[in-house]
Amino acid sequence: MLVKAVRPFSIHGDLYFELQAVRTNDVSAQPLSIKLPRHAIAGEPQAGQTLLVKFLMGQVTEAKPVTSASPVQQ
């Protein structure tokens, strides 16, 4: 996922990030809105960053920055 914008917010004291992102393997580049819990990522996501995002039953369980040395799973 290529992050286009990040907005932090809180639900009952728990920190989340709302990401506006596009899938890197989607040629139509349809924008997506993703709610990312703070515990699912090390650090804070940044606009322009590419993330490998894992989901379980529609919920984000993990997000890792993709570096040039990291393989990108499609």
Protein backbone atom coordinates (compact mmCIF):
# COMPACT_ATOMS: atom_id res chain seq x y z
CA MET A 1 0.00 0.00 0.00
CA LEU A 2 1.26 3.44 -0.88
CA VAL A 3 0.23 5.87 1.86
CA LYS A 4 -1.18 9.14 0.53
CA ALA A 5 -2.29 10.74 3.83
CA VAL A 6 -2.27 9.94 7.55
CA ARG A 7 -4.64 11.19 10.24
CA PRO A 8 -4.15 10.09 13.86
CA PHE A 9 -7.28 9.66 15.99
CA SER A 10 -8.34 8.07 19.25
CA ILE A 11 -11.12 5.64 20.14
CA HIS A 12 -11.68 5.26 23.89
CA GLY A 13 -8.06 6.28 24.53
CA ASP A 14 -6.55 3.89 21.98
CA LEU A 15 -4.49 5.53 19.22
CA TYR A 16 -5.25 4.70 15.58
CA PHE A 17 -4.13 6.07 12.24
CA GLU A 18 -6.55 6.59 9.39
CA LEU A 19 -4.62 6.00 6.19
CA GLN A 20 -5.65 7.14 2.75
CA ALA A 21 -3.75 4.71 0.55
CA VAL A 22 -3.68 2.94 -2.79
CA ARG A 23 -2.70 -0.64 -3.52
CA THR A 24 0.62 -0.76 -5.34
CA ASN A 25 -0.61 -3.66 -7.49
CA ASP A 26 -3.89 -1.97 -8.52
CA VAL A 27 -3.56 -0.25 -11.90
CA SER A 28 -6.77 1.74 -11.30
CA ALA A 29 -5.25 3.15 -8.08
CA GLN A 30 -8.60 3.27 -6.28
CA PRO A 31 -8.06 5.09 -2.96
CA LEU A 32 -8.71 3.12 0.22
CA SER A 33 -9.33 4.24 3.78
CA ILE A 34 -7.65 2.00 6.35
CA LYS A 35 -7.91 2.18 10.13
CA LEU A 36 -4.52 1.14 11.50
CA PRO A 37 -4.20 0.47 15.26
CA ARG A 38 -1.06 1.90 16.87
CA HIS A 39 0.02 -1.55 18.13
CA ALA A 40 0.07 -2.92 14.55
CA ILE A 41 3.01 -0.77 13.37
CA ALA A 42 6.39 0.23 14.78
CA GLY A 43 6.63 4.02 14.58
CA GLU A 44 4.20 6.31 12.82
CA PRO A 45 3.14 5.86 9.21
CA GLN A 46 4.08 8.70 6.86
CA ALA A 47 2.60 9.98 3.60
CA GLY A 48 4.67 8.64 0.71
CA GLN A 49 5.64 5.50 2.61
CA THR A 50 4.95 2.04 1.19
CA LEU A 51 3.58 -0.46 3.71
CA LEU A 52 3.03 -4.20 3.63
CA VAL A 53 -0.32 -4.54 5.41
CA LYS A 54 -1.73 -7.80 6.78
CA PHE A 55 -5.43 -8.27 7.47
CA LEU A 56 -7.44 -10.82 9.44
CA MET A 57 -11.20 -10.81 8.89
CA GLY A 58 -11.05 -7.28 7.49
CA GLN A 59 -9.01 -5.86 10.39
CA VAL A 60 -5.39 -4.73 10.15
CA THR A 61 -3.15 -6.99 12.24
CA GLU A 62 0.25 -5.76 11.08
CA ALA A 63 1.83 -3.10 8.90
CA LYS A 64 5.53 -2.98 8.02
CA PRO A 65 7.41 -0.42 5.95
CA VAL A 66 8.71 -1.79 2.66
CA THR A 67 12.33 -0.91 1.97
CA SER A 68 14.17 -1.35 -1.30
CA ALA A 69 15.69 -4.54 0.14
CA SER A 70 12.30 -5.94 1.29
CA PRO A 71 10.32 -8.15 -1.04
CA VAL A 72 6.92 -6.73 -1.95
CA GLN A 73 4.16 -9.30 -1.73
CA GLN A 74 1.27 -8.68 -4.09
